[in-house]
Amino acid sequence: MVKIHLYSDPAHGWLKVSYNDLAKHGLLGAISGYSYMRGKDYFLEEDSDAGMYLQKLKQKGIQYEIVEHTSNKSSKIRNYARVQW
């Protein structure tokens, strides 16, 4: 089982996924500019990119567990670089 971390603030949420994991599942270049990146970590926007990633895992029969990290303050993720390909 794969553990996936979900970070959220009062307005939005993001799944944290590594560059290598995106590459392994053929999603490089498919992530939108609504998601963020920092180093080799990508923070997939909850309304589209995160769903696309989770759907890919389901298609491959990969089970996952979402570990939630919730804050009542604006997330620092909003200050990371936007994804650009």
Protein backbone atom coordinates (compact mmCIF):
# COMPACT_ATOMS: atom_id res chain seq x y z
CA MET A 1 0.00 0.00 0.00
CA VAL A 2 1.25 3.45 -0.97
CA LYS A 3 0.92 6.33 1.48
CA ILE A 4 0.05 9.65 -0.15
CA HIS A 5 0.14 12.88 1.81
CA LEU A 6 -2.65 15.40 1.33
CA TYR A 7 -1.91 18.93 2.52
CA SER A 8 -4.79 21.36 2.82
CA ASP A 9 -5.56 24.84 4.04
CA PRO A 10 -9.00 26.47 4.43
CA ALA A 11 -9.35 27.01 0.69
CA HIS A 12 -7.53 24.19 -1.12
CA GLY A 13 -5.60 20.93 -1.00
CA TRP A 14 -2.67 19.23 -2.72
CA LEU A 15 -1.33 15.69 -2.96
CA LYS A 16 2.44 15.44 -2.52
CA VAL A 17 3.98 13.24 -5.23
CA SER A 18 7.61 12.80 -6.22
CA TYR A 19 8.98 13.53 -9.69
CA ASN A 20 10.01 9.86 -9.97
CA ASP A 21 6.48 8.70 -9.16
CA LEU A 22 5.00 10.99 -11.81
CA ALA A 23 7.52 9.64 -14.32
CA LYS A 24 6.82 6.03 -13.34
CA HIS A 25 3.11 6.52 -14.05
CA GLY A 26 3.59 8.43 -17.29
CA LEU A 27 2.28 11.74 -15.99
CA LEU A 28 5.22 14.04 -16.68
CA GLY A 29 3.93 16.88 -18.80
CA ALA A 30 0.30 16.13 -17.89
CA ILE A 31 0.24 18.13 -14.64
CA SER A 32 -1.30 21.58 -14.97
CA GLY A 33 0.01 24.97 -13.93
CA TYR A 34 -2.47 24.91 -11.04
CA SER A 35 -0.12 22.53 -9.22
CA TYR A 36 3.13 23.44 -7.51
CA MET A 37 6.64 22.03 -7.27
CA ARG A 38 9.55 22.30 -4.89
CA GLY A 39 12.72 20.38 -5.59
CA LYS A 40 11.69 16.90 -6.69
CA ASP A 41 8.31 17.09 -4.96
CA TYR A 42 5.12 18.02 -6.77
CA PHE A 43 1.97 19.19 -5.05
CA LEU A 44 -0.95 18.18 -7.24
CA GLU A 45 -3.94 20.48 -7.15
CA GLU A 46 -6.96 18.69 -5.70
CA ASP A 47 -9.58 19.60 -8.33
CA SER A 48 -7.94 18.02 -11.37
CA ASP A 49 -4.32 16.90 -11.15
CA ALA A 50 -4.72 14.94 -7.93
CA GLY A 51 -7.72 13.08 -9.36
CA MET A 52 -5.81 12.23 -12.53
CA TYR A 53 -2.96 10.79 -10.43
CA LEU A 54 -5.29 8.75 -8.21
CA GLN A 55 -7.14 7.45 -11.28
CA LYS A 56 -3.82 6.27 -12.74
CA LEU A 57 -3.07 4.37 -9.53
CA LYS A 58 -6.53 2.74 -9.62
CA GLN A 59 -6.05 1.73 -13.27
CA LYS A 60 -2.82 -0.01 -12.31
CA GLY A 61 -4.42 -1.73 -9.30
CA ILE A 62 -2.24 0.17 -6.83
CA GLN A 63 -3.82 0.56 -3.42
CA TYR A 64 -3.18 3.75 -1.52
CA GLU A 65 -3.86 5.41 1.79
CA ILE A 66 -4.24 9.18 2.06
CA VAL A 67 -2.62 10.78 5.09
CA GLU A 68 -4.20 14.17 5.73
CA HIS A 69 -2.36 17.25 6.99
CA THR A 70 -4.81 20.09 7.55
CA SER A 71 -4.04 23.66 8.55
CA ASN A 72 -6.34 26.55 9.41
CA LYS A 73 -3.77 28.96 7.90
CA SER A 74 -2.81 29.59 4.28
CA SER A 75 -0.41 26.85 3.15
CA LYS A 76 3.22 27.59 2.32
CA ILE A 77 2.67 25.43 -0.77
CA ARG A 78 1.07 28.50 -2.38
CA ASN A 79 4.54 30.11 -2.38
CA TYR A 80 6.21 27.25 -4.28
CA ALA A 81 6.89 27.44 -8.01
CA ARG A 82 4.01 26.62 -10.33
CA VAL A 83 4.47 23.56 -12.51
CA GLN A 84 5.75 24.42 -15.99
CA TRP A 85 6.75 21.98 -18.70
